[in-house]
Amino acid sequence: MAFLRSLARQLQFAARTLRRNPGFTITAVAMFSLGIGTVSALFSVVDKVLLQPLPYRDPTAWFS
């Protein structure tokens, strides 16, 4: 139970701190959003281009 009380106090302190600095909060949320969106987009491209098999029955037949 001490862990949960400590966690609750830390979350309250974090919320108070973020409320006092709205510019920092908006900037941090925007940066996290941009980072997550960029990583998701890059993973989608890498997955389709490098990890998924080509949509052909025998893709090596072109080079034989």
C-alpha atoms as a PDB file:
ATOM      1  CA  MET A   1       0.000   0.000   0.000  1.00  0.00           C
ATOM      2  CA  ALA A   2       2.881   2.360   0.630  1.00  0.00           C
ATOM      3  CA  PHE A   3       3.861   2.019  -3.002  1.00  0.00           C
ATOM      4  CA  LEU A   4       0.398   3.056  -4.189  1.00  0.00           C
ATOM      5  CA  ARG A   5       0.306   6.068  -1.833  1.00  0.00           C
ATOM      6  CA  SER A   6       3.744   7.121  -3.046  1.00  0.00           C
ATOM      7  CA  LEU A   7       2.688   6.686  -6.672  1.00  0.00           C
ATOM      8  CA  ALA A   8      -0.462   8.749  -6.088  1.00  0.00           C
ATOM      9  CA  ARG A   9       1.573  11.565  -4.506  1.00  0.00           C
ATOM     10  CA  GLN A  10       4.045  11.542  -7.375  1.00  0.00           C
ATOM     11  CA  LEU A  11       1.240  11.668  -9.953  1.00  0.00           C
ATOM     12  CA  GLN A  12      -0.389  14.589  -8.110  1.00  0.00           C
ATOM     13  CA  PHE A  13       2.927  16.434  -8.044  1.00  0.00           C
ATOM     14  CA  ALA A  14       3.447  15.773 -11.773  1.00  0.00           C
ATOM     15  CA  ALA A  15      -0.049  17.041 -12.598  1.00  0.00           C
ATOM     16  CA  ARG A  16       0.481  20.216 -10.540  1.00  0.00           C
ATOM     17  CA  THR A  17       3.825  20.855 -12.201  1.00  0.00           C
ATOM     18  CA  LEU A  18       2.414  20.374 -15.696  1.00  0.00           C
ATOM     19  CA  ARG A  19      -0.534  22.690 -14.902  1.00  0.00           C
ATOM     20  CA  ARG A  20       1.869  25.422 -13.812  1.00  0.00           C
ATOM     21  CA  ASN A  21       3.833  25.258 -17.077  1.00  0.00           C
ATOM     22  CA  PRO A  22       1.280  24.973 -19.908  1.00  0.00           C
ATOM     23  CA  GLY A  23       3.828  25.938 -22.580  1.00  0.00           C
ATOM     24  CA  PHE A  24       6.122  23.105 -21.580  1.00  0.00           C
ATOM     25  CA  THR A  25       3.186  20.692 -21.385  1.00  0.00           C
ATOM     26  CA  ILE A  26       1.946  21.575 -24.871  1.00  0.00           C
ATOM     27  CA  THR A  27       5.465  21.332 -26.295  1.00  0.00           C
ATOM     28  CA  ALA A  28       6.131  17.969 -24.633  1.00  0.00           C
ATOM     29  CA  VAL A  29       2.818  16.488 -25.818  1.00  0.00           C
ATOM     30  CA  ALA A  30       3.436  17.788 -29.357  1.00  0.00           C
ATOM     31  CA  MET A  31       6.943  16.302 -29.444  1.00  0.00           C
ATOM     32  CA  PHE A  32       5.745  12.926 -28.173  1.00  0.00           C
ATOM     33  CA  SER A  33       2.951  12.953 -30.760  1.00  0.00           C
ATOM     34  CA  LEU A  34       5.349  13.786 -33.579  1.00  0.00           C
ATOM     35  CA  GLY A  35       7.816  11.139 -32.446  1.00  0.00           C
ATOM     36  CA  ILE A  36       5.199   8.406 -32.159  1.00  0.00           C
ATOM     37  CA  GLY A  37       3.675   9.337 -35.519  1.00  0.00           C
ATOM     38  CA  THR A  38       7.061   9.376 -37.244  1.00  0.00           C
ATOM     39  CA  VAL A  39       8.099   6.016 -35.826  1.00  0.00           C
ATOM     40  CA  SER A  40       4.750   4.493 -36.815  1.00  0.00           C
ATOM     41  CA  ALA A  41       5.012   5.804 -40.365  1.00  0.00           C
ATOM     42  CA  LEU A  42       8.598   4.602 -40.770  1.00  0.00           C
ATOM     43  CA  PHE A  43       7.749   1.174 -39.397  1.00  0.00           C
ATOM     44  CA  SER A  44       4.851   0.884 -41.838  1.00  0.00           C
ATOM     45  CA  VAL A  45       7.121   1.712 -44.775  1.00  0.00           C
ATOM     46  CA  VAL A  46       9.903  -0.631 -43.638  1.00  0.00           C
ATOM     47  CA  ASP A  47       7.380  -3.403 -42.993  1.00  0.00           C
ATOM     48  CA  LYS A  48       5.843  -3.131 -46.477  1.00  0.00           C
ATOM     49  CA  VAL A  49       9.119  -2.627 -48.372  1.00  0.00           C
ATOM     50  CA  LEU A  50      11.592  -4.859 -46.544  1.00  0.00           C
ATOM     51  CA  LEU A  51       9.764  -7.342 -44.323  1.00  0.00           C
ATOM     52  CA  GLN A  52       6.718  -8.436 -46.317  1.00  0.00           C
ATOM     53  CA  PRO A  53       7.219 -10.853 -49.226  1.00  0.00           C
ATOM     54  CA  LEU A  54       6.725  -9.543 -52.722  1.00  0.00           C
ATOM     55  CA  PRO A  55       3.226  -9.977 -54.137  1.00  0.00           C
ATOM     56  CA  TYR A  56       4.406 -12.351 -56.905  1.00  0.00           C
ATOM     57  CA  ARG A  57       4.229 -16.113 -57.067  1.00  0.00           C
ATOM     58  CA  ASP A  58       7.942 -16.571 -57.878  1.00  0.00           C
ATOM     59  CA  PRO A  59       9.792 -13.269 -57.513  1.00  0.00           C
ATOM     60  CA  THR A  60      13.203 -14.817 -58.266  1.00  0.00           C
ATOM     61  CA  ALA A  61      12.094 -16.032 -61.726  1.00  0.00           C
ATOM     62  CA  TRP A  62      12.767 -12.573 -63.156  1.00  0.00           C
ATOM     63  CA  PHE A  63      16.507 -12.900 -62.499  1.00  0.00           C
ATOM     64  CA  SER A  64      17.038 -16.449 -63.758  1.00  0.00           C
END
